[in-house]
C-alpha atoms as a PDB file:
ATOM      1  CA  MET A   1       8.172  -5.900  -8.049  1.00  0.00           C
ATOM      2  CA  LEU A   2       5.091  -6.274  -5.883  1.00  0.00           C
ATOM      3  CA  THR A   3       3.284  -9.565  -5.732  1.00  0.00           C
ATOM      4  CA  GLY A   4      -0.456 -10.040  -5.828  1.00  0.00           C
ATOM      5  CA  GLN A   5      -0.258 -11.499  -2.339  1.00  0.00           C
ATOM      6  CA  GLN A   6       1.402  -8.322  -1.035  1.00  0.00           C
ATOM      7  CA  LEU A   7      -1.303  -6.153  -2.581  1.00  0.00           C
ATOM      8  CA  ARG A   8      -4.082  -8.318  -1.149  1.00  0.00           C
ATOM      9  CA  ALA A   9      -2.419  -8.460   2.286  1.00  0.00           C
ATOM     10  CA  GLY A  10      -1.864  -4.713   2.367  1.00  0.00           C
ATOM     11  CA  ARG A  11      -5.497  -4.032   1.573  1.00  0.00           C
ATOM     12  CA  ALA A  12      -6.627  -6.539   4.220  1.00  0.00           C
ATOM     13  CA  MET A  13      -4.316  -5.082   6.885  1.00  0.00           C
ATOM     14  CA  ILE A  14      -6.060  -1.730   6.736  1.00  0.00           C
ATOM     15  CA  GLY A  15      -9.539  -3.181   6.324  1.00  0.00           C
ATOM     16  CA  LEU A  16     -10.313  -1.899   2.840  1.00  0.00           C
ATOM     17  CA  SER A  17     -12.745  -3.799   0.674  1.00  0.00           C
ATOM     18  CA  VAL A  18     -12.118  -4.155  -3.042  1.00  0.00           C
ATOM     19  CA  ASP A  19     -14.973  -1.689  -3.577  1.00  0.00           C
ATOM     20  CA  ASP A  20     -13.328   0.841  -1.232  1.00  0.00           C
ATOM     21  CA  LEU A  21      -9.976   0.490  -2.970  1.00  0.00           C
ATOM     22  CA  ALA A  22     -11.629   0.873  -6.373  1.00  0.00           C
ATOM     23  CA  GLU A  23     -13.218   4.116  -5.199  1.00  0.00           C
ATOM     24  CA  VAL A  24      -9.915   5.449  -3.821  1.00  0.00           C
ATOM     25  CA  THR A  25      -7.838   4.556  -6.888  1.00  0.00           C
ATOM     26  CA  GLY A  26     -10.363   4.979  -9.687  1.00  0.00           C
ATOM     27  CA  LEU A  27      -9.536   1.441 -10.860  1.00  0.00           C
ATOM     28  CA  SER A  28     -12.148  -1.148 -11.710  1.00  0.00           C
ATOM     29  CA  ILE A  29     -12.909  -4.002  -9.329  1.00  0.00           C
ATOM     30  CA  HIS A  30     -11.777  -6.358 -12.098  1.00  0.00           C
ATOM     31  CA  ASP A  31      -8.374  -4.628 -12.343  1.00  0.00           C
ATOM     32  CA  ILE A  32      -7.866  -4.877  -8.579  1.00  0.00           C
ATOM     33  CA  THR A  33      -8.885  -8.527  -8.276  1.00  0.00           C
ATOM     34  CA  THR A  34      -6.686  -9.383 -11.257  1.00  0.00           C
ATOM     35  CA  ALA A  35      -3.700  -7.584  -9.697  1.00  0.00           C
ATOM     36  CA  GLU A  36      -4.272  -9.347  -6.363  1.00  0.00           C
ATOM     37  CA  SER A  37      -4.517 -12.783  -7.923  1.00  0.00           C
ATOM     38  CA  SER A  38      -1.526 -12.513 -10.248  1.00  0.00           C
ATOM     39  CA  ASN A  39       2.128 -11.597 -10.043  1.00  0.00           C
ATOM     40  CA  SER A  40       2.152 -10.433 -13.626  1.00  0.00           C
ATOM     41  CA  SER A  41      -0.525  -7.740 -13.497  1.00  0.00           C
ATOM     42  CA  ASP A  42      -0.386  -4.491 -15.404  1.00  0.00           C
ATOM     43  CA  GLN A  43       2.418  -2.432 -13.847  1.00  0.00           C
ATOM     44  CA  THR A  44       0.370   0.768 -14.086  1.00  0.00           C
ATOM     45  CA  VAL A  45      -2.405  -0.858 -12.038  1.00  0.00           C
ATOM     46  CA  ALA A  46       0.083  -2.241  -9.503  1.00  0.00           C
ATOM     47  CA  GLU A  47       1.712   1.180  -9.136  1.00  0.00           C
ATOM     48  CA  ARG A  48      -1.623   2.922  -8.508  1.00  0.00           C
ATOM     49  CA  LEU A  49      -2.499   0.304  -5.902  1.00  0.00           C
ATOM     50  CA  ARG A  50       0.920   0.615  -4.274  1.00  0.00           C
ATOM     51  CA  LEU A  51       0.657   4.387  -3.988  1.00  0.00           C
ATOM     52  CA  ALA A  52      -2.871   4.253  -2.555  1.00  0.00           C
ATOM     53  CA  LEU A  53      -1.963   1.597   0.021  1.00  0.00           C
ATOM     54  CA  GLU A  54       1.270   3.334   1.031  1.00  0.00           C
ATOM     55  CA  HIS A  55      -0.697   6.552   1.502  1.00  0.00           C
ATOM     56  CA  LYS A  56      -2.907   4.628   3.948  1.00  0.00           C
ATOM     57  CA  GLY A  57       0.092   3.378   5.964  1.00  0.00           C
ATOM     58  CA  ILE A  58       1.242   0.181   4.268  1.00  0.00           C
ATOM     59  CA  LEU A  59       4.944  -0.556   3.780  1.00  0.00           C
ATOM     60  CA  PHE A  60       5.935  -3.095   1.143  1.00  0.00           C
ATOM     61  CA  LEU A  61       9.099  -5.086   1.851  1.00  0.00           C
ATOM     62  CA  SER A  62      11.212  -6.765  -0.782  1.00  0.00           C
ATOM     63  CA  ALA A  63      12.501 -10.306  -0.306  1.00  0.00           C
ATOM     64  CA  GLY A  64      15.075 -10.417   2.475  1.00  0.00           C
ATOM     65  CA  GLU A  65      14.639  -6.750   3.403  1.00  0.00           C
ATOM     66  CA  ASP A  66      13.253  -7.408   6.873  1.00  0.00           C
ATOM     67  CA  ASN A  67      14.750 -10.825   7.537  1.00  0.00           C
ATOM     68  CA  PRO A  68      17.493 -12.528   5.511  1.00  0.00           C
ATOM     69  CA  GLY A  69      16.036 -15.491   3.672  1.00  0.00           C
ATOM     70  CA  ALA A  70      12.445 -14.241   4.011  1.00  0.00           C
ATOM     71  CA  GLY A  71      10.223 -13.568   1.050  1.00  0.00           C
ATOM     72  CA  PRO A  72       8.521 -10.280   0.198  1.00  0.00           C
ATOM     73  CA  GLY A  73       6.215  -8.887   2.857  1.00  0.00           C
ATOM     74  CA  VAL A  74       3.902  -6.180   4.092  1.00  0.00           C
ATOM     75  CA  ARG A  75       3.925  -4.069   7.253  1.00  0.00           C
ATOM     76  CA  LEU A  76       1.887  -1.321   8.801  1.00  0.00           C
ATOM     77  CA  ARG A  77       3.749   1.940   9.129  1.00  0.00           C
ATOM     78  CA  THR A  78       4.137   3.092  12.700  1.00  0.00           C
ATOM     79  CA  TYR A  79       3.857   6.761  13.368  1.00  0.00           C
ATOM     80  CA  GLY A  80       5.924   8.073  16.240  1.00  0.00           C
ATOM     81  CA  ALA A  81       7.120  11.322  17.674  1.00  0.00           C
ATOM     82  CA  ASP A  82      10.189  11.240  15.390  1.00  0.00           C
ATOM     83  CA  ASP A  83       8.137  11.178  12.200  1.00  0.00           C
ATOM     84  CA  GLY A  84       7.336  14.890  12.282  1.00  0.00           C
ATOM     85  CA  ILE A  85       3.961  16.203  11.245  1.00  0.00           C
ATOM     86  CA  ARG A  86       1.664  14.078   9.133  1.00  0.00           C
ATOM     87  CA  PRO A  87       0.614  15.774   5.882  1.00  0.00           C
ATOM     88  CA  GLN A  88      -3.064  15.839   6.884  1.00  0.00           C
ATOM     89  CA  GLU A  89      -2.102  17.774  10.043  1.00  0.00           C
ATOM     90  CA  LEU A  90      -0.232  20.542   8.227  1.00  0.00           C
ATOM     91  CA  ASN A  91      -1.754  23.998   8.396  1.00  0.00           C
ATOM     92  CA  SER A  92      -0.622  27.596   8.061  1.00  0.00           C
ATOM     93  CA  THR A  93       0.690  27.725  11.642  1.00  0.00           C
ATOM     94  CA  ASN A  94       2.942  24.651  11.427  1.00  0.00           C
ATOM     95  CA  ASP A  95       4.058  24.338   7.791  1.00  0.00           C
ATOM     96  CA  GLY A  96       7.258  26.212   8.706  1.00  0.00           C
END
């Protein structure tokens, strides 16, 4: 389960304002600020936020996933040569 702090941190890491995230997700500013300030937000709202932020390169870590004893966290996804072709770079010549 994502925490409000993870959602807020993920948005901040990629420099999205609440207004920007509302536009991307179709959610209201109120829904987003409520989700970011609470750990018991509507799961549908949290899921839409998670998907939008992951699409923009955010990875959400569960407690202890990255470091034993650590709480839940957030990371930026790194794109390297081993990741293949990003979806936005697919075209008819490389969709193999």
